[in-house]
Amino acid sequence: MKKHVLAAIFLPALLAPAADLAVQDRPLDVPYVPTKFPVVDEMLKMANVTKADILYDLGCGDGRIVIGAAQKYGAKGVGIDLDPDRIAESRENARKAGVADRVTFMEGDLFLADFKEATVLSMYLLTSVNLKLRPRILRELRPGTRVVSHNFGMDDWKPDAASVVTVDDIRHDVFLWIVPANASGVWTWTMPLGGRNVEARMTVEQKYQFPTAAVKLNGTEAALKDVKLRGDRLTFLLEAPVDGKPQTFAFQGRIAGHEIAGQAKATAAGQNQTWPWTASRNPVTEKPIDEEPTIWD
């Protein structure tokens, strides 16, 4: 497994020469064990890396994950490691691979690092280190960022996907998380229903990427189902009476701060009713999604 890593970092798009950040003299938290190349391939594949990505590898070792992302997918990358020998090795490996213009490696401490610009975050650390990073991953990374880990999980934050790679009869687990937006709290909007405008009030509770919700239309409970969140995209089905008959409406939108913007449409056969949907959240009702949710009246 890889060592404890990381330090404040710069956008790999800049990739200008920069001095390594100062690191306090202290022992490594995790011994260096390089990730096998078939596992590297699976991590990059599971994270769906593309040339549009900026991949940060926490505990980069000899740089193979960052270099692989640049070589195979054209991604930019940043590797962080506490060991100066590994950083020197990574830079030389990048030069030999012909991708030194797309990647950068920095010596530093992961708990001091700024990795907010990552669109993909890769790790081969201990579960205990992952858990220390988890609050920052959930609060600082943009919704939709892919986080991929070799062998070690995030305790009760269950992965969105998992796979197994066997190398020399040894099992290697690969886990993927999609950083979710925070959809918790009370959301309100107005929707046309049966020729009149109706006020909707939806209360969302959320634990990691799993939201649950309840909605009232003009103060009356309505049926809500299939509430799903992936990255910043929220979808659900709402059942409401129209002319005395139940009708289902499909909502989809993207969360940006305390606003949702998207569209709603009637799902009944032969209906083409679609309209823009926007909802606003009362900011004081938002809660951290890695703590027990609070029920708001």
C-alpha atoms as a PDB file:
ATOM      1  CA  MET A   1       0.000   0.000   0.000  1.00  0.00           C
ATOM      2  CA  LYS A   2       1.095   3.563  -0.479  1.00  0.00           C
ATOM      3  CA  LYS A   3       2.426   6.007   1.999  1.00  0.00           C
ATOM      4  CA  HIS A   4       0.673   8.862   3.620  1.00  0.00           C
ATOM      5  CA  VAL A   5       0.874  11.630   1.071  1.00  0.00           C
ATOM      6  CA  LEU A   6      -0.052  15.017  -0.151  1.00  0.00           C
ATOM      7  CA  ALA A   7       0.496  18.701   0.126  1.00  0.00           C
ATOM      8  CA  ALA A   8      -0.931  21.910  -1.201  1.00  0.00           C
ATOM      9  CA  ILE A   9      -1.006  21.561  -4.933  1.00  0.00           C
ATOM     10  CA  PHE A  10      -1.374  23.601  -8.048  1.00  0.00           C
ATOM     11  CA  LEU A  11      -3.524  23.048 -11.090  1.00  0.00           C
ATOM     12  CA  PRO A  12      -1.768  20.519 -13.264  1.00  0.00           C
ATOM     13  CA  ALA A  13      -2.904  22.577 -16.241  1.00  0.00           C
ATOM     14  CA  LEU A  14      -0.278  25.097 -15.204  1.00  0.00           C
ATOM     15  CA  LEU A  15       2.440  22.461 -14.804  1.00  0.00           C
ATOM     16  CA  ALA A  16       5.048  25.169 -14.350  1.00  0.00           C
ATOM     17  CA  PRO A  17       8.138  24.217 -12.334  1.00  0.00           C
ATOM     18  CA  ALA A  18       7.475  24.812  -8.670  1.00  0.00           C
ATOM     19  CA  ALA A  19       9.366  24.220  -5.469  1.00  0.00           C
ATOM     20  CA  ASP A  20       8.071  21.419  -3.287  1.00  0.00           C
ATOM     21  CA  LEU A  21       6.195  22.496  -0.226  1.00  0.00           C
ATOM     22  CA  ALA A  22       7.972  22.190   3.074  1.00  0.00           C
ATOM     23  CA  VAL A  23       7.191  18.997   4.965  1.00  0.00           C
ATOM     24  CA  GLN A  24       7.810  18.442   8.640  1.00  0.00           C
ATOM     25  CA  ASP A  25      10.363  15.750   9.373  1.00  0.00           C
ATOM     26  CA  ARG A  26       8.306  12.783  10.521  1.00  0.00           C
ATOM     27  CA  PRO A  27       7.944   9.070   9.771  1.00  0.00           C
ATOM     28  CA  LEU A  28       5.744   7.724   6.988  1.00  0.00           C
ATOM     29  CA  ASP A  29       2.236   6.691   8.003  1.00  0.00           C
ATOM     30  CA  VAL A  30       1.933   3.843   5.488  1.00  0.00           C
ATOM     31  CA  PRO A  31       4.728   1.699   3.998  1.00  0.00           C
ATOM     32  CA  TYR A  32       5.277   1.974   0.267  1.00  0.00           C
ATOM     33  CA  VAL A  33       3.921  -0.944  -1.754  1.00  0.00           C
ATOM     34  CA  PRO A  34       3.311  -0.172  -5.457  1.00  0.00           C
ATOM     35  CA  THR A  35      -0.065  -0.926  -6.989  1.00  0.00           C
ATOM     36  CA  LYS A  36       0.169  -3.742  -9.547  1.00  0.00           C
ATOM     37  CA  PHE A  37      -0.253  -2.524 -13.118  1.00  0.00           C
ATOM     38  CA  PRO A  38      -3.422  -4.594 -13.800  1.00  0.00           C
ATOM     39  CA  VAL A  39      -4.958  -2.922 -10.731  1.00  0.00           C
ATOM     40  CA  VAL A  40      -3.873   0.505 -11.986  1.00  0.00           C
ATOM     41  CA  ASP A  41      -5.635  -0.247 -15.276  1.00  0.00           C
ATOM     42  CA  GLU A  42      -8.824  -1.241 -13.443  1.00  0.00           C
ATOM     43  CA  MET A  43      -8.751   1.879 -11.264  1.00  0.00           C
ATOM     44  CA  LEU A  44      -8.449   4.163 -14.276  1.00  0.00           C
ATOM     45  CA  LYS A  45     -11.121   2.247 -16.172  1.00  0.00           C
ATOM     46  CA  MET A  46     -13.553   2.253 -13.247  1.00  0.00           C
ATOM     47  CA  ALA A  47     -13.044   5.992 -12.758  1.00  0.00           C
ATOM     48  CA  ASN A  48     -13.785   6.513 -16.473  1.00  0.00           C
ATOM     49  CA  VAL A  49     -10.741   8.770 -16.888  1.00  0.00           C
ATOM     50  CA  THR A  50     -10.695  10.971 -19.998  1.00  0.00           C
ATOM     51  CA  LYS A  51      -8.468  13.673 -21.451  1.00  0.00           C
ATOM     52  CA  ALA A  52     -10.712  16.253 -19.796  1.00  0.00           C
ATOM     53  CA  ASP A  53      -9.792  15.035 -16.309  1.00  0.00           C
ATOM     54  CA  ILE A  54      -7.377  16.249 -13.673  1.00  0.00           C
ATOM     55  CA  LEU A  55      -6.335  13.219 -11.623  1.00  0.00           C
ATOM     56  CA  TYR A  56      -4.770  13.624  -8.182  1.00  0.00           C
ATOM     57  CA  ASP A  57      -3.043  10.581  -6.723  1.00  0.00           C
ATOM     58  CA  LEU A  58      -2.605  10.699  -2.953  1.00  0.00           C
ATOM     59  CA  GLY A  59       0.498   8.671  -2.182  1.00  0.00           C
ATOM     60  CA  CYS A  60       1.772   8.472  -5.737  1.00  0.00           C
ATOM     61  CA  GLY A  61       4.777   6.213  -5.081  1.00  0.00           C
ATOM     62  CA  ASP A  62       6.634   5.850  -8.379  1.00  0.00           C
ATOM     63  CA  GLY A  63       3.930   7.816 -10.220  1.00  0.00           C
ATOM     64  CA  ARG A  64       2.435   4.901 -12.154  1.00  0.00           C
ATOM     65  CA  ILE A  65      -1.241   5.892 -11.709  1.00  0.00           C
ATOM     66  CA  VAL A  66      -0.705   9.522 -12.727  1.00  0.00           C
ATOM     67  CA  ILE A  67       1.550   8.503 -15.621  1.00  0.00           C
ATOM     68  CA  GLY A  68      -0.908   5.819 -16.743  1.00  0.00           C
ATOM     69  CA  ALA A  69      -3.755   8.343 -16.805  1.00  0.00           C
ATOM     70  CA  ALA A  70      -1.683  10.687 -18.960  1.00  0.00           C
ATOM     71  CA  GLN A  71      -0.357   7.975 -21.295  1.00  0.00           C
ATOM     72  CA  LYS A  72      -3.555   6.027 -21.914  1.00  0.00           C
ATOM     73  CA  TYR A  73      -6.233   8.702 -21.586  1.00  0.00           C
ATOM     74  CA  GLY A  74      -4.500  12.038 -22.103  1.00  0.00           C
ATOM     75  CA  ALA A  75      -5.459  13.281 -18.639  1.00  0.00           C
ATOM     76  CA  LYS A  76      -3.505  15.829 -16.635  1.00  0.00           C
ATOM     77  CA  GLY A  77      -2.314  14.691 -13.243  1.00  0.00           C
ATOM     78  CA  VAL A  78      -0.762  15.556  -9.910  1.00  0.00           C
ATOM     79  CA  GLY A  79       1.044  13.041  -7.728  1.00  0.00           C
ATOM     80  CA  ILE A  80       1.711  13.757  -4.065  1.00  0.00           C
ATOM     81  CA  ASP A  81       4.009  11.781  -1.784  1.00  0.00           C
ATOM     82  CA  LEU A  82       5.770  12.348   1.506  1.00  0.00           C
ATOM     83  CA  ASP A  83       8.938  10.565   0.395  1.00  0.00           C
ATOM     84  CA  PRO A  84      11.335  12.746  -1.654  1.00  0.00           C
ATOM     85  CA  ASP A  85      12.920   9.633  -3.200  1.00  0.00           C
ATOM     86  CA  ARG A  86       9.547   8.572  -4.624  1.00  0.00           C
ATOM     87  CA  ILE A  87       8.961  12.069  -6.018  1.00  0.00           C
ATOM     88  CA  ALA A  88      12.333  12.014  -7.771  1.00  0.00           C
ATOM     89  CA  GLU A  89      11.548   8.552  -9.150  1.00  0.00           C
ATOM     90  CA  SER A  90       8.097   9.691 -10.362  1.00  0.00           C
ATOM     91  CA  ARG A  91       9.535  12.673 -12.199  1.00  0.00           C
ATOM     92  CA  GLU A  92      12.113  10.488 -13.938  1.00  0.00           C
ATOM     93  CA  ASN A  93       9.447   7.914 -14.865  1.00  0.00           C
ATOM     94  CA  ALA A  94       7.256  10.664 -16.312  1.00  0.00           C
ATOM     95  CA  ARG A  95      10.190  11.950 -18.382  1.00  0.00           C
ATOM     96  CA  LYS A  96      10.882   8.463 -19.747  1.00  0.00           C
ATOM     97  CA  ALA A  97       7.197   7.967 -20.548  1.00  0.00           C
ATOM     98  CA  GLY A  98       7.049  11.252 -22.449  1.00  0.00           C
ATOM     99  CA  VAL A  99       4.298  12.791 -20.315  1.00  0.00           C
ATOM    100  CA  ALA A 100       6.298  15.226 -18.174  1.00  0.00           C
ATOM    101  CA  ASP A 101       4.397  18.106 -19.784  1.00  0.00           C
ATOM    102  CA  ARG A 102       1.050  16.738 -18.527  1.00  0.00           C
ATOM    103  CA  VAL A 103       1.893  15.693 -14.970  1.00  0.00           C
ATOM    104  CA  THR A 104       3.533  17.127 -11.904  1.00  0.00           C
ATOM    105  CA  PHE A 105       4.786  15.523  -8.704  1.00  0.00           C
ATOM    106  CA  MET A 106       5.132  17.222  -5.355  1.00  0.00           C
ATOM    107  CA  GLU A 107       6.501  16.246  -1.991  1.00  0.00           C
ATOM    108  CA  GLY A 108       4.008  16.955   0.750  1.00  0.00           C
ATOM    109  CA  ASP A 109       1.588  16.045   3.508  1.00  0.00           C
ATOM    110  CA  LEU A 110      -1.871  14.894   2.486  1.00  0.00           C
ATOM    111  CA  PHE A 111      -3.599  16.521   5.445  1.00  0.00           C
ATOM    112  CA  LEU A 112      -2.252  19.920   4.373  1.00  0.00           C
ATOM    113  CA  ALA A 113      -3.010  19.470   0.688  1.00  0.00           C
ATOM    114  CA  ASP A 114      -5.429  21.349  -1.515  1.00  0.00           C
ATOM    115  CA  PHE A 115      -6.973  18.866  -3.955  1.00  0.00           C
ATOM    116  CA  LYS A 116     -10.212  20.729  -4.734  1.00  0.00           C
ATOM    117  CA  GLU A 117      -9.381  20.880  -8.461  1.00  0.00           C
ATOM    118  CA  ALA A 118      -9.439  17.093  -8.854  1.00  0.00           C
ATOM    119  CA  THR A 119     -12.046  15.537 -11.099  1.00  0.00           C
ATOM    120  CA  VAL A 120     -10.611  12.112 -10.234  1.00  0.00           C
ATOM    121  CA  LEU A 121      -8.985  11.270  -6.898  1.00  0.00           C
ATOM    122  CA  SER A 122      -7.018   8.015  -6.537  1.00  0.00           C
ATOM    123  CA  MET A 123      -5.779   6.473  -3.299  1.00  0.00           C
ATOM    124  CA  TYR A 124      -3.946   3.444  -1.946  1.00  0.00           C
ATOM    125  CA  LEU A 125      -3.904   4.296   1.742  1.00  0.00           C
ATOM    126  CA  LEU A 126      -5.245   2.741   4.926  1.00  0.00           C
ATOM    127  CA  THR A 127      -8.914   2.830   5.887  1.00  0.00           C
ATOM    128  CA  SER A 128      -7.974   4.993   8.885  1.00  0.00           C
ATOM    129  CA  VAL A 129      -6.360   7.550   6.557  1.00  0.00           C
ATOM    130  CA  ASN A 130      -9.315   7.411   4.153  1.00  0.00           C
ATOM    131  CA  LEU A 131     -11.654   8.205   7.060  1.00  0.00           C
ATOM    132  CA  LYS A 132      -9.606  11.228   8.066  1.00  0.00           C
ATOM    133  CA  LEU A 133      -9.864  12.466   4.477  1.00  0.00           C
ATOM    134  CA  ARG A 134     -13.555  11.626   4.069  1.00  0.00           C
ATOM    135  CA  PRO A 135     -14.986  14.902   5.449  1.00  0.00           C
ATOM    136  CA  ARG A 136     -12.815  16.928   3.091  1.00  0.00           C
ATOM    137  CA  ILE A 137     -13.667  14.701   0.132  1.00  0.00           C
ATOM    138  CA  LEU A 138     -17.381  15.217   0.745  1.00  0.00           C
ATOM    139  CA  ARG A 139     -17.217  18.935   1.469  1.00  0.00           C
ATOM    140  CA  GLU A 140     -14.443  20.207  -0.789  1.00  0.00           C
ATOM    141  CA  LEU A 141     -14.589  18.150  -3.983  1.00  0.00           C
ATOM    142  CA  ARG A 142     -17.116  19.112  -6.605  1.00  0.00           C
ATOM    143  CA  PRO A 143     -20.181  16.872  -6.959  1.00  0.00           C
ATOM    144  CA  GLY A 144     -19.541  14.261  -9.605  1.00  0.00           C
ATOM    145  CA  THR A 145     -15.838  13.883  -8.790  1.00  0.00           C
ATOM    146  CA  ARG A 146     -14.823  10.217  -8.941  1.00  0.00           C
ATOM    147  CA  VAL A 147     -12.869   8.774  -6.035  1.00  0.00           C
ATOM    148  CA  VAL A 148     -11.168   5.418  -6.592  1.00  0.00           C
ATOM    149  CA  SER A 149      -9.364   3.404  -3.920  1.00  0.00           C
ATOM    150  CA  HIS A 150      -7.261   0.252  -3.985  1.00  0.00           C
ATOM    151  CA  ASN A 151      -8.215  -2.252  -1.259  1.00  0.00           C
ATOM    152  CA  PHE A 152      -9.344   0.196   1.433  1.00  0.00           C
ATOM    153  CA  GLY A 153     -12.846   1.575   1.906  1.00  0.00           C
ATOM    154  CA  MET A 154     -14.589   4.443   3.699  1.00  0.00           C
ATOM    155  CA  ASP A 155     -16.374   2.570   6.500  1.00  0.00           C
ATOM    156  CA  ASP A 156     -20.131   3.318   6.292  1.00  0.00           C
ATOM    157  CA  TRP A 157     -19.792   5.409   3.115  1.00  0.00           C
ATOM    158  CA  LYS A 158     -20.559   2.563   0.735  1.00  0.00           C
ATOM    159  CA  PRO A 159     -19.020   2.693  -2.747  1.00  0.00           C
ATOM    160  CA  ASP A 160     -21.074   3.291  -5.883  1.00  0.00           C
ATOM    161  CA  ALA A 161     -19.207   0.466  -7.593  1.00  0.00           C
ATOM    162  CA  ALA A 162     -16.646  -2.216  -6.739  1.00  0.00           C
ATOM    163  CA  SER A 163     -14.623  -4.777  -8.640  1.00  0.00           C
ATOM    164  CA  VAL A 164     -11.981  -7.430  -8.011  1.00  0.00           C
ATOM    165  CA  VAL A 165      -8.686  -7.908  -9.839  1.00  0.00           C
ATOM    166  CA  THR A 166      -6.655 -11.075  -9.236  1.00  0.00           C
ATOM    167  CA  VAL A 167      -2.905 -10.793  -9.777  1.00  0.00           C
ATOM    168  CA  ASP A 168      -0.649 -13.794  -9.036  1.00  0.00           C
ATOM    169  CA  ASP A 169      -3.520 -15.440  -7.159  1.00  0.00           C
ATOM    170  CA  ILE A 170      -3.868 -12.410  -4.868  1.00  0.00           C
ATOM    171  CA  ARG A 171      -7.196 -10.576  -4.660  1.00  0.00           C
ATOM    172  CA  HIS A 172      -7.209  -6.799  -5.097  1.00  0.00           C
ATOM    173  CA  ASP A 173     -10.402  -4.810  -4.443  1.00  0.00           C
ATOM    174  CA  VAL A 174     -11.123  -1.569  -6.282  1.00  0.00           C
ATOM    175  CA  PHE A 175     -13.781   0.799  -4.961  1.00  0.00           C
ATOM    176  CA  LEU A 176     -15.415   3.795  -6.665  1.00  0.00           C
ATOM    177  CA  TRP A 177     -17.382   6.638  -5.105  1.00  0.00           C
ATOM    178  CA  ILE A 178     -19.123   9.488  -6.919  1.00  0.00           C
ATOM    179  CA  VAL A 179     -19.016  12.589  -4.722  1.00  0.00           C
ATOM    180  CA  PRO A 180     -22.658  13.599  -4.138  1.00  0.00           C
ATOM    181  CA  ALA A 181     -24.086  17.082  -3.936  1.00  0.00           C
ATOM    182  CA  ASN A 182     -25.664  18.025  -0.648  1.00  0.00           C
ATOM    183  CA  ALA A 183     -29.413  17.868  -1.317  1.00  0.00           C
ATOM    184  CA  SER A 184     -30.486  17.924   2.336  1.00  0.00           C
ATOM    185  CA  GLY A 185     -32.983  20.452   3.654  1.00  0.00           C
ATOM    186  CA  VAL A 186     -36.272  22.009   2.640  1.00  0.00           C
ATOM    187  CA  TRP A 187     -36.878  22.869  -1.027  1.00  0.00           C
ATOM    188  CA  THR A 188     -39.834  24.840  -2.403  1.00  0.00           C
ATOM    189  CA  TRP A 189     -41.188  25.557  -5.866  1.00  0.00           C
ATOM    190  CA  THR A 190     -44.411  26.281  -7.716  1.00  0.00           C
ATOM    191  CA  MET A 191     -45.798  23.915 -10.331  1.00  0.00           C
ATOM    192  CA  PRO A 192     -48.817  24.031 -12.679  1.00  0.00           C
ATOM    193  CA  LEU A 193     -51.351  21.382 -11.757  1.00  0.00           C
ATOM    194  CA  GLY A 194     -54.850  21.053 -13.181  1.00  0.00           C
ATOM    195  CA  GLY A 195     -54.912  24.608 -14.490  1.00  0.00           C
ATOM    196  CA  ARG A 196     -53.633  26.222 -11.283  1.00  0.00           C
ATOM    197  CA  ASN A 197     -50.320  26.874  -9.606  1.00  0.00           C
ATOM    198  CA  VAL A 198     -49.531  24.685  -6.619  1.00  0.00           C
ATOM    199  CA  GLU A 199     -46.837  25.274  -4.016  1.00  0.00           C
ATOM    200  CA  ALA A 200     -44.575  22.273  -3.445  1.00  0.00           C
ATOM    201  CA  ARG A 201     -42.484  21.824  -0.306  1.00  0.00           C
ATOM    202  CA  MET A 202     -40.032  18.927  -0.277  1.00  0.00           C
ATOM    203  CA  THR A 203     -38.000  17.868   2.761  1.00  0.00           C
ATOM    204  CA  VAL A 204     -34.860  15.878   1.975  1.00  0.00           C
ATOM    205  CA  GLU A 205     -32.774  13.849   4.376  1.00  0.00           C
ATOM    206  CA  GLN A 206     -29.453  12.535   3.096  1.00  0.00           C
ATOM    207  CA  LYS A 207     -26.738  10.111   4.182  1.00  0.00           C
ATOM    208  CA  TYR A 208     -23.866  10.225   1.731  1.00  0.00           C
ATOM    209  CA  GLN A 209     -25.265   9.595  -1.811  1.00  0.00           C
ATOM    210  CA  PHE A 210     -28.581   8.214  -0.526  1.00  0.00           C
ATOM    211  CA  PRO A 211     -31.412  10.767  -0.142  1.00  0.00           C
ATOM    212  CA  THR A 212     -34.915  10.184   1.184  1.00  0.00           C
ATOM    213  CA  ALA A 213     -37.647  12.761   0.754  1.00  0.00           C
ATOM    214  CA  ALA A 214     -41.247  13.716   1.474  1.00  0.00           C
ATOM    215  CA  VAL A 215     -43.318  16.353  -0.313  1.00  0.00           C
ATOM    216  CA  LYS A 216     -46.444  18.394   0.337  1.00  0.00           C
ATOM    217  CA  LEU A 217     -48.539  20.128  -2.329  1.00  0.00           C
ATOM    218  CA  ASN A 218     -50.413  23.130  -0.921  1.00  0.00           C
ATOM    219  CA  GLY A 219     -49.875  21.566   2.512  1.00  0.00           C
ATOM    220  CA  THR A 220     -51.187  18.105   1.569  1.00  0.00           C
ATOM    221  CA  GLU A 221     -48.937  15.050   1.535  1.00  0.00           C
ATOM    222  CA  ALA A 222     -48.203  13.677  -1.943  1.00  0.00           C
ATOM    223  CA  ALA A 223     -46.568  10.453  -3.040  1.00  0.00           C
ATOM    224  CA  LEU A 224     -42.881  10.615  -3.876  1.00  0.00           C
ATOM    225  CA  LYS A 225     -40.735   7.705  -5.099  1.00  0.00           C
ATOM    226  CA  ASP A 226     -37.509   6.744  -6.865  1.00  0.00           C
ATOM    227  CA  VAL A 227     -35.554   9.619  -5.299  1.00  0.00           C
ATOM    228  CA  LYS A 228     -32.017   9.308  -6.688  1.00  0.00           C
ATOM    229  CA  LEU A 229     -28.890  11.412  -6.561  1.00  0.00           C
ATOM    230  CA  ARG A 230     -25.767  10.968  -8.673  1.00  0.00           C
ATOM    231  CA  GLY A 231     -23.229  13.728  -8.390  1.00  0.00           C
ATOM    232  CA  ASP A 232     -25.219  16.958  -8.672  1.00  0.00           C
ATOM    233  CA  ARG A 233     -28.181  15.378 -10.535  1.00  0.00           C
ATOM    234  CA  LEU A 234     -31.373  14.781  -8.537  1.00  0.00           C
ATOM    235  CA  THR A 235     -34.306  12.813  -9.974  1.00  0.00           C
ATOM    236  CA  PHE A 236     -37.624  11.649  -8.534  1.00  0.00           C
ATOM    237  CA  LEU A 237     -41.235  10.811  -9.397  1.00  0.00           C
ATOM    238  CA  LEU A 238     -44.116  12.751  -7.846  1.00  0.00           C
ATOM    239  CA  GLU A 239     -47.738  11.595  -7.903  1.00  0.00           C
ATOM    240  CA  ALA A 240     -50.428  14.265  -7.764  1.00  0.00           C
ATOM    241  CA  PRO A 241     -54.179  14.378  -8.501  1.00  0.00           C
ATOM    242  CA  VAL A 242     -55.262  16.011 -11.750  1.00  0.00           C
ATOM    243  CA  ASP A 243     -59.020  16.333 -12.319  1.00  0.00           C
ATOM    244  CA  GLY A 244     -59.538  13.792  -9.563  1.00  0.00           C
ATOM    245  CA  LYS A 245     -57.185  11.238 -11.071  1.00  0.00           C
ATOM    246  CA  PRO A 246     -53.613  10.460  -9.945  1.00  0.00           C
ATOM    247  CA  GLN A 247     -50.928  11.460 -12.375  1.00  0.00           C
ATOM    248  CA  THR A 248     -47.171  10.943 -12.165  1.00  0.00           C
ATOM    249  CA  PHE A 249     -44.627  13.641 -12.937  1.00  0.00           C
ATOM    250  CA  ALA A 250     -40.911  13.036 -13.473  1.00  0.00           C
ATOM    251  CA  PHE A 251     -38.518  15.662 -12.102  1.00  0.00           C
ATOM    252  CA  GLN A 252     -34.830  16.011 -12.909  1.00  0.00           C
ATOM    253  CA  GLY A 253     -32.453  18.816 -12.127  1.00  0.00           C
ATOM    254  CA  ARG A 254     -28.947  19.791 -11.157  1.00  0.00           C
ATOM    255  CA  ILE A 255     -28.114  21.170  -7.744  1.00  0.00           C
ATOM    256  CA  ALA A 256     -25.979  24.313  -7.595  1.00  0.00           C
ATOM    257  CA  GLY A 257     -25.707  25.769  -4.118  1.00  0.00           C
ATOM    258  CA  HIS A 258     -29.221  26.350  -2.821  1.00  0.00           C
ATOM    259  CA  GLU A 259     -30.884  26.120  -6.245  1.00  0.00           C
ATOM    260  CA  ILE A 260     -32.041  23.269  -8.472  1.00  0.00           C
ATOM    261  CA  ALA A 261     -32.594  23.862 -12.176  1.00  0.00           C
ATOM    262  CA  GLY A 262     -33.999  21.290 -14.568  1.00  0.00           C
ATOM    263  CA  GLN A 263     -37.348  20.195 -15.928  1.00  0.00           C
ATOM    264  CA  ALA A 264     -40.510  18.327 -15.000  1.00  0.00           C
ATOM    265  CA  LYS A 265     -42.835  16.409 -17.269  1.00  0.00           C
ATOM    266  CA  ALA A 266     -46.046  14.418 -17.134  1.00  0.00           C
ATOM    267  CA  THR A 267     -45.446  10.711 -17.691  1.00  0.00           C
ATOM    268  CA  ALA A 268     -48.980   9.610 -18.626  1.00  0.00           C
ATOM    269  CA  ALA A 269     -49.386   8.060 -22.070  1.00  0.00           C
ATOM    270  CA  GLY A 270     -50.197  10.615 -24.738  1.00  0.00           C
ATOM    271  CA  GLN A 271     -49.102  13.594 -22.618  1.00  0.00           C
ATOM    272  CA  ASN A 272     -46.296  15.887 -23.690  1.00  0.00           C
ATOM    273  CA  GLN A 273     -46.543  18.422 -20.910  1.00  0.00           C
ATOM    274  CA  THR A 274     -43.019  19.567 -19.970  1.00  0.00           C
ATOM    275  CA  TRP A 275     -41.946  22.698 -18.157  1.00  0.00           C
ATOM    276  CA  PRO A 276     -38.793  24.196 -16.657  1.00  0.00           C
ATOM    277  CA  TRP A 277     -38.344  23.303 -13.004  1.00  0.00           C
ATOM    278  CA  THR A 278     -36.493  25.424 -10.480  1.00  0.00           C
ATOM    279  CA  ALA A 279     -36.466  24.936  -6.725  1.00  0.00           C
ATOM    280  CA  SER A 280     -34.889  26.894  -3.883  1.00  0.00           C
ATOM    281  CA  ARG A 281     -33.616  25.636  -0.527  1.00  0.00           C
ATOM    282  CA  ASN A 282     -33.862  27.379   2.813  1.00  0.00           C
ATOM    283  CA  PRO A 283     -30.120  27.590   3.595  1.00  0.00           C
ATOM    284  CA  VAL A 284     -30.525  27.025   7.334  1.00  0.00           C
ATOM    285  CA  THR A 285     -32.050  23.577   6.696  1.00  0.00           C
ATOM    286  CA  GLU A 286     -28.947  22.179   4.957  1.00  0.00           C
ATOM    287  CA  LYS A 287     -27.002  19.662   7.062  1.00  0.00           C
ATOM    288  CA  PRO A 288     -23.752  17.681   6.623  1.00  0.00           C
ATOM    289  CA  ILE A 289     -24.447  14.479   4.711  1.00  0.00           C
ATOM    290  CA  ASP A 290     -22.011  12.342   6.702  1.00  0.00           C
ATOM    291  CA  GLU A 291     -23.874  12.824   9.981  1.00  0.00           C
ATOM    292  CA  GLU A 292     -27.257  11.585  11.135  1.00  0.00           C
ATOM    293  CA  PRO A 293     -29.917  13.628   9.307  1.00  0.00           C
ATOM    294  CA  THR A 294     -32.194  16.043  11.094  1.00  0.00           C
ATOM    295  CA  ILE A 295     -35.928  15.977  10.321  1.00  0.00           C
ATOM    296  CA  TRP A 296     -37.317  19.426   9.529  1.00  0.00           C
ATOM    297  CA  ASP A 297     -41.008  20.205   9.932  1.00  0.00           C
END
